[in-house]
Amino acid sequence: MADGYLEKRYEEVFGKGAKKTVVRHTSIDALFEKNRSYRGYKKDVEVKREMLERIVAVNTKIASAKNQQVLRFKLVTKDSGAEFIVQNMKLGGLLPELHLPFPDTEPEAFIIICSTIPENKFVDIDLGIAAQSMLLKATEMGLNGIMIGAFNKAKLIEAFDLPYEPLLILAIGKGNEKIKLQPVDEGEKLAYYRDEKGVQYVPKIRWEQLIIK
């Protein structure tokens, strides 16, 4: 093939001076590392409905117990009720003295996860798979999130006219915190904590100690 053919062909198709798009693949381990639970978010990064739709779309590719696919999702953005959710949820149960989220760091986009059937162990299996998979997708997109289990179900059902019971909420945004994993030995304290600079540490038992001998 003649020298420079590909470069010339690229310019013919996309125009002279067009920049090539380089796709960089992120390893699954890197995504796991970055996928932390953020309780504070940047206000200058808006999460639009289309972005939430991309995140929910992963549910067409992941496992489902008995392949029942009973989960349904309500998308909520800044313009469609995010503030109401903030007023009816709780974050940072292990850090009650901080009253999280801090003012002006509240999340402004949410995915309410519901089930079309009563909750059971198979629904819970799907719930865990779906929540983790969606947060990994958000991380891949350069966003962050957190699973929220402490919220007022009755008020959310009424406010958003939900036909099904909400089981879990995902907050999605651009994280505004520093979070670090802290390797610990089995038996040590596992509660997350923050230092005087606001850095949050999340203790994780060393992998060698997770294996049954």
N, C-alpha and C. Protein backbone atom coordinates (compact mmCIF):
# COMPACT_ATOMS: atom_id res chain seq x y z
N MET A 1 0.84 -1.19 0.00
CA MET A 1 0.00 0.00 0.00
C MET A 1 0.88 1.24 0.00
N ALA A 2 0.54 2.23 -0.83
CA ALA A 2 1.36 3.44 -0.95
C ALA A 2 1.44 4.17 0.36
N ASP A 3 2.63 4.80 0.59
CA ASP A 3 2.82 5.56 1.80
C ASP A 3 1.80 6.69 1.88
N GLY A 4 1.21 6.87 3.06
CA GLY A 4 0.29 7.98 3.27
C GLY A 4 -1.10 7.76 2.73
N TYR A 5 -1.37 6.56 2.19
CA TYR A 5 -2.68 6.31 1.59
C TYR A 5 -3.80 6.46 2.61
N LEU A 6 -3.62 5.82 3.79
CA LEU A 6 -4.67 5.86 4.79
C LEU A 6 -4.95 7.28 5.27
N GLU A 7 -3.87 8.06 5.43
CA GLU A 7 -4.04 9.45 5.87
C GLU A 7 -4.81 10.25 4.82
N LYS A 8 -4.45 10.06 3.54
CA LYS A 8 -5.13 10.78 2.47
C LYS A 8 -6.58 10.36 2.37
N ARG A 9 -6.83 9.05 2.50
CA ARG A 9 -8.20 8.54 2.42
C ARG A 9 -9.05 9.08 3.57
N TYR A 10 -8.46 9.18 4.74
CA TYR A 10 -9.16 9.71 5.91
C TYR A 10 -9.60 11.14 5.65
N GLU A 11 -8.68 11.97 5.06
CA GLU A 11 -9.01 13.36 4.77
C GLU A 11 -10.08 13.47 3.69
N GLU A 12 -10.08 12.54 2.72
CA GLU A 12 -11.10 12.56 1.68
C GLU A 12 -12.49 12.33 2.28
N VAL A 13 -12.57 11.45 3.25
CA VAL A 13 -13.85 11.09 3.86
C VAL A 13 -14.32 12.13 4.86
N PHE A 14 -13.40 12.56 5.75
CA PHE A 14 -13.80 13.43 6.86
C PHE A 14 -13.39 14.90 6.69
N GLY A 15 -12.62 15.19 5.64
CA GLY A 15 -12.21 16.57 5.42
C GLY A 15 -10.79 16.81 5.86
N LYS A 16 -10.15 17.75 5.19
CA LYS A 16 -8.76 18.05 5.51
C LYS A 16 -8.64 18.63 6.91
N GLY A 17 -7.67 18.14 7.65
CA GLY A 17 -7.44 18.64 9.01
C GLY A 17 -8.27 17.95 10.07
N ALA A 18 -9.15 17.02 9.65
CA ALA A 18 -9.99 16.32 10.62
C ALA A 18 -9.12 15.48 11.55
N LYS A 19 -9.48 15.51 12.82
CA LYS A 19 -8.71 14.76 13.81
C LYS A 19 -9.22 13.33 13.90
N LYS A 20 -8.30 12.42 13.98
CA LYS A 20 -8.67 11.02 14.11
C LYS A 20 -9.15 10.75 15.53
N THR A 21 -10.19 9.93 15.64
CA THR A 21 -10.70 9.53 16.94
C THR A 21 -9.97 8.28 17.41
N VAL A 22 -9.31 8.39 18.53
CA VAL A 22 -8.58 7.26 19.08
C VAL A 22 -9.41 6.65 20.21
N VAL A 23 -9.78 5.41 20.07
CA VAL A 23 -10.58 4.74 21.09
C VAL A 23 -9.66 4.08 22.10
N ARG A 24 -9.76 4.51 23.33
CA ARG A 24 -8.95 3.93 24.40
C ARG A 24 -9.84 3.06 25.27
N HIS A 25 -9.48 1.81 25.40
CA HIS A 25 -10.28 0.89 26.19
C HIS A 25 -9.79 0.89 27.64
N THR A 26 -10.75 1.03 28.55
CA THR A 26 -10.43 1.01 29.97
C THR A 26 -10.61 -0.41 30.50
N SER A 27 -9.64 -0.90 31.22
CA SER A 27 -9.74 -2.26 31.75
C SER A 27 -10.83 -2.33 32.81
N ILE A 28 -11.39 -3.52 32.99
CA ILE A 28 -12.44 -3.71 33.98
C ILE A 28 -11.92 -3.42 35.38
N ASP A 29 -10.65 -3.74 35.64
CA ASP A 29 -10.08 -3.45 36.96
C ASP A 29 -10.03 -1.95 37.21
N ALA A 30 -9.71 -1.17 36.18
CA ALA A 30 -9.66 0.29 36.33
C ALA A 30 -11.05 0.83 36.62
N LEU A 31 -12.06 0.28 35.96
CA LEU A 31 -13.44 0.72 36.22
C LEU A 31 -13.86 0.38 37.65
N PHE A 32 -13.50 -0.82 38.11
CA PHE A 32 -13.80 -1.20 39.49
C PHE A 32 -13.17 -0.21 40.47
N GLU A 33 -11.93 0.17 40.18
CA GLU A 33 -11.20 1.08 41.06
C GLU A 33 -11.86 2.45 41.13
N LYS A 34 -12.34 2.92 39.97
CA LYS A 34 -12.94 4.25 39.90
C LYS A 34 -14.40 4.29 40.36
N ASN A 35 -15.03 3.13 40.37
CA ASN A 35 -16.45 3.08 40.69
C ASN A 35 -16.67 3.11 42.21
N ARG A 36 -16.57 4.30 42.75
CA ARG A 36 -16.75 4.51 44.18
C ARG A 36 -18.10 5.17 44.45
N SER A 37 -18.52 5.21 45.70
CA SER A 37 -19.80 5.82 46.08
C SER A 37 -19.59 7.29 46.42
N TYR A 38 -20.02 8.16 45.53
CA TYR A 38 -19.85 9.60 45.72
C TYR A 38 -21.09 10.21 46.37
N ARG A 39 -20.86 11.05 47.37
CA ARG A 39 -21.95 11.72 48.08
C ARG A 39 -21.96 13.22 47.83
N GLY A 40 -21.06 13.70 46.98
CA GLY A 40 -21.01 15.10 46.60
C GLY A 40 -20.68 15.21 45.12
N TYR A 41 -21.36 16.17 44.43
CA TYR A 41 -21.22 16.26 42.97
C TYR A 41 -21.00 17.70 42.51
N LYS A 42 -20.37 17.83 41.35
CA LYS A 42 -20.11 19.14 40.77
C LYS A 42 -21.36 19.66 40.08
N LYS A 43 -21.65 20.93 40.31
CA LYS A 43 -22.85 21.54 39.74
C LYS A 43 -22.65 21.97 38.29
N ASP A 44 -21.41 22.08 37.85
CA ASP A 44 -21.17 22.57 36.49
C ASP A 44 -21.19 21.45 35.45
N VAL A 45 -21.49 20.24 35.88
CA VAL A 45 -21.61 19.11 34.95
C VAL A 45 -23.06 18.62 35.00
N GLU A 46 -23.80 18.88 33.93
CA GLU A 46 -25.21 18.50 33.89
C GLU A 46 -25.37 17.11 33.28
N VAL A 47 -26.10 16.28 33.97
CA VAL A 47 -26.41 14.94 33.47
C VAL A 47 -27.78 15.01 32.80
N LYS A 48 -27.79 14.83 31.49
CA LYS A 48 -29.03 14.93 30.73
C LYS A 48 -29.72 13.57 30.62
N ARG A 49 -30.99 13.62 30.26
CA ARG A 49 -31.78 12.39 30.15
C ARG A 49 -31.14 11.39 29.20
N GLU A 50 -30.59 11.88 28.10
CA GLU A 50 -29.97 10.98 27.13
C GLU A 50 -28.82 10.18 27.75
N MET A 51 -28.12 10.79 28.68
CA MET A 51 -27.02 10.10 29.35
C MET A 51 -27.56 9.01 30.27
N LEU A 52 -28.66 9.30 30.96
CA LEU A 52 -29.29 8.28 31.81
C LEU A 52 -29.82 7.14 30.97
N GLU A 53 -30.34 7.46 29.79
CA GLU A 53 -30.84 6.40 28.91
C GLU A 53 -29.72 5.45 28.49
N ARG A 54 -28.55 6.01 28.21
CA ARG A 54 -27.39 5.17 27.84
C ARG A 54 -27.01 4.25 29.00
N ILE A 55 -27.12 4.76 30.20
CA ILE A 55 -26.77 3.96 31.38
C ILE A 55 -27.78 2.84 31.58
N VAL A 56 -29.07 3.15 31.46
CA VAL A 56 -30.10 2.13 31.64
C VAL A 56 -30.02 1.06 30.55
N ALA A 57 -29.56 1.45 29.37
CA ALA A 57 -29.51 0.52 28.23
C ALA A 57 -28.64 -0.70 28.49
N VAL A 58 -27.74 -0.64 29.47
CA VAL A 58 -26.90 -1.81 29.74
C VAL A 58 -27.74 -3.00 30.21
N ASN A 59 -28.96 -2.72 30.69
CA ASN A 59 -29.82 -3.80 31.18
C ASN A 59 -30.27 -4.75 30.08
N THR A 60 -30.07 -4.37 28.82
CA THR A 60 -30.39 -5.28 27.72
C THR A 60 -29.25 -6.24 27.43
N LYS A 61 -28.14 -6.10 28.17
CA LYS A 61 -26.97 -6.94 27.89
C LYS A 61 -26.51 -7.76 29.10
N ILE A 62 -27.10 -7.54 30.26
CA ILE A 62 -26.61 -8.19 31.47
C ILE A 62 -27.48 -9.37 31.87
N ALA A 63 -26.98 -10.12 32.86
CA ALA A 63 -27.71 -11.30 33.33
C ALA A 63 -28.96 -10.91 34.10
N SER A 64 -29.93 -11.83 34.12
CA SER A 64 -31.16 -11.66 34.88
C SER A 64 -31.57 -13.02 35.42
N ALA A 65 -31.84 -13.10 36.72
CA ALA A 65 -32.24 -14.37 37.33
C ALA A 65 -33.49 -14.92 36.65
N LYS A 66 -33.41 -16.17 36.17
CA LYS A 66 -34.49 -16.82 35.43
C LYS A 66 -34.87 -16.04 34.16
N ASN A 67 -34.05 -15.04 33.83
CA ASN A 67 -34.30 -14.14 32.68
C ASN A 67 -35.68 -13.49 32.76
N GLN A 68 -36.11 -13.17 33.99
CA GLN A 68 -37.44 -12.57 34.18
C GLN A 68 -37.48 -11.11 33.75
N GLN A 69 -36.36 -10.39 33.90
CA GLN A 69 -36.27 -8.99 33.48
C GLN A 69 -37.43 -8.16 34.04
N VAL A 70 -37.53 -8.16 35.35
CA VAL A 70 -38.67 -7.50 36.02
C VAL A 70 -38.37 -6.05 36.43
N LEU A 71 -37.16 -5.60 36.26
CA LEU A 71 -36.81 -4.25 36.71
C LEU A 71 -37.25 -3.20 35.69
N ARG A 72 -37.74 -2.06 36.21
CA ARG A 72 -38.11 -0.92 35.38
C ARG A 72 -37.49 0.34 36.00
N PHE A 73 -37.30 1.36 35.18
CA PHE A 73 -36.48 2.49 35.61
C PHE A 73 -37.16 3.84 35.33
N LYS A 74 -37.19 4.68 36.34
CA LYS A 74 -37.70 6.04 36.21
C LYS A 74 -36.51 6.98 36.17
N LEU A 75 -36.40 7.77 35.11
CA LEU A 75 -35.28 8.69 34.96
C LEU A 75 -35.68 10.07 35.44
N VAL A 76 -34.86 10.63 36.31
CA VAL A 76 -35.16 11.94 36.90
C VAL A 76 -33.95 12.85 36.74
N THR A 77 -34.17 14.02 36.16
CA THR A 77 -33.09 14.99 35.97
C THR A 77 -33.37 16.26 36.76
N LYS A 78 -32.48 17.21 36.58
CA LYS A 78 -32.61 18.49 37.29
C LYS A 78 -33.95 19.15 37.01
N ASP A 79 -34.46 18.98 35.81
CA ASP A 79 -35.69 19.64 35.39
C ASP A 79 -36.95 18.80 35.63
N SER A 80 -36.78 17.59 36.15
CA SER A 80 -37.96 16.73 36.30
C SER A 80 -38.13 16.14 37.69
N GLY A 81 -37.58 16.82 38.71
CA GLY A 81 -37.86 16.38 40.08
C GLY A 81 -36.68 15.94 40.91
N ALA A 82 -35.45 16.20 40.47
CA ALA A 82 -34.29 15.77 41.23
C ALA A 82 -34.26 16.37 42.64
N GLU A 83 -34.64 17.63 42.75
CA GLU A 83 -34.61 18.28 44.05
C GLU A 83 -35.56 17.60 45.04
N PHE A 84 -36.68 17.10 44.53
CA PHE A 84 -37.64 16.40 45.40
C PHE A 84 -37.01 15.13 45.97
N ILE A 85 -36.26 14.42 45.13
CA ILE A 85 -35.60 13.20 45.62
C ILE A 85 -34.58 13.55 46.70
N VAL A 86 -33.80 14.60 46.47
CA VAL A 86 -32.80 15.01 47.45
C VAL A 86 -33.45 15.28 48.81
N GLN A 87 -34.64 15.87 48.77
CA GLN A 87 -35.35 16.21 50.01
C GLN A 87 -35.92 14.99 50.71
N ASN A 88 -35.99 13.88 50.00
CA ASN A 88 -36.61 12.68 50.58
C ASN A 88 -35.68 11.47 50.59
N MET A 89 -34.39 11.72 50.73
CA MET A 89 -33.41 10.64 50.81
C MET A 89 -32.37 10.99 51.87
N LYS A 90 -31.53 10.01 52.19
CA LYS A 90 -30.45 10.23 53.15
C LYS A 90 -29.16 9.64 52.61
N LEU A 91 -28.05 10.36 52.84
CA LEU A 91 -26.73 9.89 52.43
C LEU A 91 -25.78 9.91 53.61
N GLY A 92 -24.75 9.09 53.53
CA GLY A 92 -23.70 9.11 54.55
C GLY A 92 -24.16 8.66 55.92
N GLY A 93 -24.80 7.49 55.96
CA GLY A 93 -25.29 6.98 57.23
C GLY A 93 -24.21 6.77 58.28
N LEU A 94 -22.97 6.52 57.84
CA LEU A 94 -21.87 6.30 58.79
C LEU A 94 -21.16 7.60 59.15
N LEU A 95 -21.59 8.70 58.53
CA LEU A 95 -21.00 10.01 58.84
C LEU A 95 -22.12 11.01 59.13
N PRO A 96 -22.99 10.73 60.11
CA PRO A 96 -24.16 11.57 60.37
C PRO A 96 -23.80 13.00 60.78
N GLU A 97 -22.61 13.17 61.38
CA GLU A 97 -22.21 14.50 61.83
C GLU A 97 -21.93 15.46 60.68
N LEU A 98 -21.74 14.94 59.45
CA LEU A 98 -21.43 15.79 58.30
C LEU A 98 -22.67 16.30 57.57
N HIS A 99 -23.82 15.64 57.82
CA HIS A 99 -25.07 16.04 57.16
C HIS A 99 -24.91 16.09 55.64
N LEU A 100 -24.49 14.98 55.07
CA LEU A 100 -24.27 14.89 53.63
C LEU A 100 -25.59 14.77 52.87
N PRO A 101 -25.63 15.26 51.62
CA PRO A 101 -24.55 15.96 50.90
C PRO A 101 -24.41 17.40 51.38
N PHE A 102 -23.20 17.95 51.21
CA PHE A 102 -22.98 19.35 51.57
C PHE A 102 -23.79 20.26 50.64
N PRO A 103 -24.15 21.45 51.10
CA PRO A 103 -24.87 22.40 50.23
C PRO A 103 -24.12 22.63 48.93
N ASP A 104 -24.86 22.70 47.85
CA ASP A 104 -24.32 22.93 46.50
C ASP A 104 -23.51 21.76 45.96
N THR A 105 -23.63 20.59 46.58
CA THR A 105 -23.00 19.38 46.03
C THR A 105 -24.03 18.26 45.85
N GLU A 106 -25.30 18.61 45.92
CA GLU A 106 -26.35 17.60 45.79
C GLU A 106 -26.39 17.02 44.37
N PRO A 107 -26.67 15.73 44.24
CA PRO A 107 -26.83 15.15 42.90
C PRO A 107 -28.07 15.71 42.22
N GLU A 108 -28.03 15.80 40.90
CA GLU A 108 -29.14 16.39 40.15
C GLU A 108 -29.70 15.44 39.09
N ALA A 109 -29.32 14.17 39.16
CA ALA A 109 -29.86 13.17 38.23
C ALA A 109 -29.96 11.83 38.96
N PHE A 110 -31.06 11.14 38.71
CA PHE A 110 -31.32 9.90 39.43
C PHE A 110 -31.96 8.85 38.52
N ILE A 111 -31.72 7.60 38.88
CA ILE A 111 -32.42 6.48 38.26
C ILE A 111 -33.12 5.73 39.39
N ILE A 112 -34.45 5.75 39.38
CA ILE A 112 -35.22 5.02 40.38
C ILE A 112 -35.48 3.62 39.83
N ILE A 113 -35.02 2.61 40.56
CA ILE A 113 -35.17 1.23 40.11
C ILE A 113 -36.38 0.60 40.79
N CYS A 114 -37.31 0.11 39.98
CA CYS A 114 -38.53 -0.51 40.49
C CYS A 114 -38.62 -1.95 40.01
N SER A 115 -39.55 -2.70 40.60
CA SER A 115 -39.78 -4.08 40.17
C SER A 115 -41.25 -4.27 39.85
N THR A 116 -41.53 -5.00 38.77
CA THR A 116 -42.91 -5.25 38.37
C THR A 116 -43.57 -6.34 39.21
N ILE A 117 -42.77 -7.05 40.00
CA ILE A 117 -43.30 -8.09 40.89
C ILE A 117 -42.79 -7.84 42.30
N PRO A 118 -43.44 -8.44 43.32
CA PRO A 118 -42.97 -8.26 44.69
C PRO A 118 -41.51 -8.68 44.85
N GLU A 119 -40.80 -7.98 45.71
CA GLU A 119 -39.38 -8.26 45.92
C GLU A 119 -39.17 -9.66 46.48
N ASN A 120 -38.22 -10.39 45.91
CA ASN A 120 -37.83 -11.70 46.41
C ASN A 120 -36.35 -11.88 46.13
N LYS A 121 -35.79 -13.04 46.42
CA LYS A 121 -34.34 -13.20 46.29
C LYS A 121 -33.88 -13.08 44.84
N PHE A 122 -34.73 -13.49 43.90
CA PHE A 122 -34.34 -13.38 42.50
C PHE A 122 -34.38 -11.93 42.02
N VAL A 123 -35.36 -11.19 42.51
CA VAL A 123 -35.42 -9.76 42.20
C VAL A 123 -34.19 -9.06 42.76
N ASP A 124 -33.81 -9.44 43.98
CA ASP A 124 -32.64 -8.83 44.60
C ASP A 124 -31.35 -9.16 43.85
N ILE A 125 -31.28 -10.36 43.29
CA ILE A 125 -30.12 -10.72 42.46
C ILE A 125 -30.05 -9.77 41.27
N ASP A 126 -31.18 -9.60 40.59
CA ASP A 126 -31.23 -8.69 39.45
C ASP A 126 -30.90 -7.27 39.85
N LEU A 127 -31.40 -6.86 41.01
CA LEU A 127 -31.19 -5.50 41.49
C LEU A 127 -29.70 -5.22 41.68
N GLY A 128 -28.99 -6.15 42.29
CA GLY A 128 -27.56 -5.97 42.50
C GLY A 128 -26.78 -5.93 41.19
N ILE A 129 -27.11 -6.86 40.29
CA ILE A 129 -26.43 -6.91 39.00
C ILE A 129 -26.68 -5.61 38.23
N ALA A 130 -27.93 -5.17 38.19
CA ALA A 130 -28.30 -3.98 37.43
C ALA A 130 -27.66 -2.73 37.99
N ALA A 131 -27.73 -2.57 39.31
CA ALA A 131 -27.18 -1.36 39.92
C ALA A 131 -25.68 -1.24 39.69
N GLN A 132 -24.96 -2.33 39.91
CA GLN A 132 -23.51 -2.30 39.72
C GLN A 132 -23.16 -2.08 38.25
N SER A 133 -23.89 -2.74 37.35
CA SER A 133 -23.60 -2.60 35.93
C SER A 133 -23.84 -1.17 35.46
N MET A 134 -24.90 -0.55 35.92
CA MET A 134 -25.21 0.82 35.51
C MET A 134 -24.18 1.81 36.07
N LEU A 135 -23.73 1.58 37.27
CA LEU A 135 -22.71 2.47 37.84
C LEU A 135 -21.37 2.30 37.11
N LEU A 136 -21.07 1.09 36.69
CA LEU A 136 -19.85 0.87 35.90
C LEU A 136 -19.96 1.58 34.55
N LYS A 137 -21.15 1.57 33.96
CA LYS A 137 -21.35 2.28 32.70
C LYS A 137 -21.19 3.78 32.91
N ALA A 138 -21.74 4.29 34.00
CA ALA A 138 -21.58 5.71 34.32
C ALA A 138 -20.11 6.06 34.48
N THR A 139 -19.37 5.18 35.14
CA THR A 139 -17.94 5.40 35.33
C THR A 139 -17.20 5.42 34.00
N GLU A 140 -17.56 4.51 33.12
CA GLU A 140 -16.96 4.48 31.79
C GLU A 140 -17.22 5.79 31.04
N MET A 141 -18.37 6.40 31.29
CA MET A 141 -18.76 7.65 30.63
C MET A 141 -18.12 8.87 31.28
N GLY A 142 -17.31 8.66 32.32
CA GLY A 142 -16.67 9.77 33.00
C GLY A 142 -17.50 10.37 34.10
N LEU A 143 -18.55 9.65 34.51
CA LEU A 143 -19.42 10.11 35.58
C LEU A 143 -19.19 9.28 36.83
N ASN A 144 -19.96 9.56 37.85
CA ASN A 144 -19.89 8.81 39.11
C ASN A 144 -21.30 8.62 39.64
N GLY A 145 -21.42 7.87 40.72
CA GLY A 145 -22.75 7.66 41.27
C GLY A 145 -22.71 7.01 42.63
N ILE A 146 -23.89 6.65 43.10
CA ILE A 146 -24.01 5.97 44.39
C ILE A 146 -25.36 5.26 44.44
N MET A 147 -25.41 4.13 45.13
CA MET A 147 -26.67 3.44 45.38
C MET A 147 -27.28 4.00 46.66
N ILE A 148 -28.57 4.35 46.59
CA ILE A 148 -29.26 4.94 47.74
C ILE A 148 -30.42 4.05 48.14
N GLY A 149 -30.36 3.53 49.35
CA GLY A 149 -31.44 2.68 49.85
C GLY A 149 -32.30 3.36 50.89
N ALA A 150 -31.83 4.51 51.40
CA ALA A 150 -32.57 5.24 52.42
C ALA A 150 -33.36 6.39 51.77
N PHE A 151 -34.63 6.14 51.50
CA PHE A 151 -35.48 7.16 50.90
C PHE A 151 -36.94 6.88 51.25
N ASN A 152 -37.78 7.90 51.09
CA ASN A 152 -39.20 7.78 51.42
C ASN A 152 -39.95 7.20 50.23
N LYS A 153 -40.24 5.92 50.29
CA LYS A 153 -40.89 5.24 49.17
C LYS A 153 -42.25 5.82 48.84
N ALA A 154 -43.05 6.04 49.88
CA ALA A 154 -44.41 6.51 49.66
C ALA A 154 -44.44 7.85 48.93
N LYS A 155 -43.58 8.76 49.34
CA LYS A 155 -43.56 10.08 48.71
C LYS A 155 -43.08 10.02 47.27
N LEU A 156 -42.11 9.14 46.99
CA LEU A 156 -41.62 9.02 45.62
C LEU A 156 -42.68 8.39 44.72
N ILE A 157 -43.38 7.39 45.23
CA ILE A 157 -44.44 6.76 44.44
C ILE A 157 -45.50 7.79 44.06
N GLU A 158 -45.86 8.62 45.02
CA GLU A 158 -46.89 9.63 44.77
C GLU A 158 -46.38 10.73 43.83
N ALA A 159 -45.19 11.25 44.11
CA ALA A 159 -44.66 12.38 43.34
C ALA A 159 -44.41 12.03 41.88
N PHE A 160 -43.93 10.81 41.62
CA PHE A 160 -43.57 10.42 40.26
C PHE A 160 -44.58 9.46 39.63
N ASP A 161 -45.69 9.25 40.33
CA ASP A 161 -46.76 8.39 39.82
C ASP A 161 -46.20 7.04 39.39
N LEU A 162 -45.44 6.43 40.27
CA LEU A 162 -44.78 5.16 39.95
C LEU A 162 -45.79 4.01 40.01
N PRO A 163 -45.86 3.18 38.98
CA PRO A 163 -46.79 2.05 38.99
C PRO A 163 -46.24 0.84 39.75
N TYR A 164 -44.95 0.89 40.09
CA TYR A 164 -44.31 -0.21 40.79
C TYR A 164 -43.55 0.31 42.00
N GLU A 165 -43.24 -0.62 42.92
CA GLU A 165 -42.52 -0.24 44.13
C GLU A 165 -41.06 0.08 43.82
N PRO A 166 -40.56 1.23 44.27
CA PRO A 166 -39.14 1.54 44.09
C PRO A 166 -38.30 0.76 45.10
N LEU A 167 -37.23 0.14 44.62
CA LEU A 167 -36.37 -0.67 45.48
C LEU A 167 -35.05 0.02 45.81
N LEU A 168 -34.56 0.80 44.88
CA LEU A 168 -33.24 1.42 45.03
C LEU A 168 -33.17 2.64 44.12
N ILE A 169 -32.34 3.61 44.50
CA ILE A 169 -32.12 4.79 43.67
C ILE A 169 -30.63 4.90 43.36
N LEU A 170 -30.32 5.23 42.14
CA LEU A 170 -28.94 5.57 41.77
C LEU A 170 -28.87 7.07 41.56
N ALA A 171 -27.94 7.73 42.22
CA ALA A 171 -27.63 9.13 41.93
C ALA A 171 -26.50 9.12 40.92
N ILE A 172 -26.59 9.98 39.92
CA ILE A 172 -25.57 10.04 38.87
C ILE A 172 -25.11 11.48 38.69
N GLY A 173 -23.80 11.68 38.60
CA GLY A 173 -23.24 13.01 38.38
C GLY A 173 -21.73 12.93 38.27
N LYS A 174 -21.10 14.07 38.30
CA LYS A 174 -19.64 14.13 38.30
C LYS A 174 -19.17 14.34 39.73
N GLY A 175 -18.51 13.34 40.29
CA GLY A 175 -18.12 13.38 41.69
C GLY A 175 -17.24 14.56 42.04
N ASN A 176 -17.42 15.06 43.26
CA ASN A 176 -16.66 16.21 43.74
C ASN A 176 -15.97 15.87 45.05
N GLU A 177 -15.49 14.63 45.15
CA GLU A 177 -14.84 14.16 46.37
C GLU A 177 -13.60 13.35 46.02
N LYS A 178 -12.73 13.18 47.00
CA LYS A 178 -11.58 12.29 46.88
C LYS A 178 -11.87 11.05 47.71
N ILE A 179 -11.82 9.90 47.03
CA ILE A 179 -12.12 8.64 47.70
C ILE A 179 -10.99 7.66 47.43
N LYS A 180 -10.49 7.05 48.48
CA LYS A 180 -9.39 6.10 48.35
C LYS A 180 -9.73 4.78 49.02
N LEU A 181 -9.31 3.69 48.38
CA LEU A 181 -9.46 2.37 48.99
C LEU A 181 -8.35 2.14 49.99
N GLN A 182 -8.69 1.51 51.11
CA GLN A 182 -7.72 1.26 52.17
C GLN A 182 -7.69 -0.24 52.48
N PRO A 183 -6.63 -0.96 52.07
CA PRO A 183 -6.55 -2.39 52.38
C PRO A 183 -6.48 -2.62 53.89
N VAL A 184 -7.27 -3.57 54.38
CA VAL A 184 -7.27 -3.89 55.80
C VAL A 184 -7.29 -5.40 55.97
N ASP A 185 -6.96 -5.84 57.18
CA ASP A 185 -7.02 -7.27 57.50
C ASP A 185 -8.41 -7.62 58.01
N GLU A 186 -8.78 -8.86 57.81
CA GLU A 186 -10.07 -9.34 58.31
C GLU A 186 -10.15 -9.13 59.82
N GLY A 187 -11.25 -8.59 60.28
CA GLY A 187 -11.43 -8.31 61.71
C GLY A 187 -11.25 -6.85 62.04
N GLU A 188 -10.60 -6.09 61.16
CA GLU A 188 -10.45 -4.66 61.39
C GLU A 188 -11.75 -3.94 61.04
N LYS A 189 -11.86 -2.68 61.46
CA LYS A 189 -13.07 -1.90 61.21
C LYS A 189 -13.25 -1.69 59.71
N LEU A 190 -14.51 -1.81 59.25
CA LEU A 190 -14.80 -1.68 57.83
C LEU A 190 -15.60 -0.42 57.49
N ALA A 191 -15.94 0.36 58.48
CA ALA A 191 -16.72 1.57 58.24
C ALA A 191 -15.87 2.60 57.49
N TYR A 192 -16.44 3.21 56.44
CA TYR A 192 -15.70 4.27 55.73
C TYR A 192 -15.58 5.50 56.62
N TYR A 193 -14.55 6.30 56.38
CA TYR A 193 -14.30 7.47 57.23
C TYR A 193 -13.59 8.54 56.43
N ARG A 194 -13.52 9.76 56.98
CA ARG A 194 -12.86 10.87 56.30
C ARG A 194 -11.81 11.49 57.21
N ASP A 195 -10.71 11.94 56.59
CA ASP A 195 -9.68 12.59 57.38
C ASP A 195 -9.95 14.09 57.46
N GLU A 196 -9.01 14.81 58.08
CA GLU A 196 -9.22 16.25 58.29
C GLU A 196 -9.24 17.04 57.00
N LYS A 197 -8.74 16.47 55.91
CA LYS A 197 -8.75 17.15 54.62
C LYS A 197 -9.98 16.79 53.79
N GLY A 198 -10.85 15.94 54.33
CA GLY A 198 -12.06 15.56 53.63
C GLY A 198 -11.92 14.37 52.71
N VAL A 199 -10.73 13.76 52.69
CA VAL A 199 -10.54 12.56 51.86
C VAL A 199 -11.26 11.38 52.52
N GLN A 200 -12.04 10.67 51.74
CA GLN A 200 -12.78 9.54 52.29
C GLN A 200 -12.02 8.23 52.01
N TYR A 201 -11.90 7.42 53.04
CA TYR A 201 -11.21 6.14 52.93
C TYR A 201 -12.23 5.00 53.08
N VAL A 202 -12.12 4.03 52.18
CA VAL A 202 -13.03 2.90 52.19
C VAL A 202 -12.23 1.63 52.46
N PRO A 203 -12.33 1.06 53.66
CA PRO A 203 -11.58 -0.15 53.97
C PRO A 203 -12.07 -1.35 53.15
N LYS A 204 -11.14 -2.10 52.61
CA LYS A 204 -11.47 -3.32 51.86
C LYS A 204 -10.55 -4.45 52.33
N ILE A 205 -11.16 -5.56 52.70
CA ILE A 205 -10.38 -6.71 53.17
C ILE A 205 -9.48 -7.21 52.03
N ARG A 206 -8.24 -7.51 52.36
CA ARG A 206 -7.28 -7.98 51.36
C ARG A 206 -7.80 -9.24 50.68
N TRP A 207 -7.60 -9.33 49.36
CA TRP A 207 -8.20 -10.39 48.59
C TRP A 207 -7.75 -11.76 49.05
N GLU A 208 -6.51 -11.86 49.53
CA GLU A 208 -6.01 -13.17 49.97
C GLU A 208 -6.84 -13.73 51.14
N GLN A 209 -7.39 -12.81 51.93
CA GLN A 209 -8.16 -13.23 53.11
C GLN A 209 -9.62 -13.51 52.79
N LEU A 210 -10.02 -13.30 51.54
CA LEU A 210 -11.38 -13.60 51.13
C LEU A 210 -11.54 -15.04 50.67
N ILE A 211 -10.42 -15.70 50.44
CA ILE A 211 -10.46 -17.06 49.92
C ILE A 211 -10.51 -18.07 51.06
N ILE A 212 -11.50 -18.98 50.99
CA ILE A 212 -11.63 -20.01 52.02
C ILE A 212 -10.57 -21.08 51.77
N LYS A 213 -9.79 -21.36 52.80
CA LYS A 213 -8.72 -22.34 52.64
C LYS A 213 -9.18 -23.73 53.03
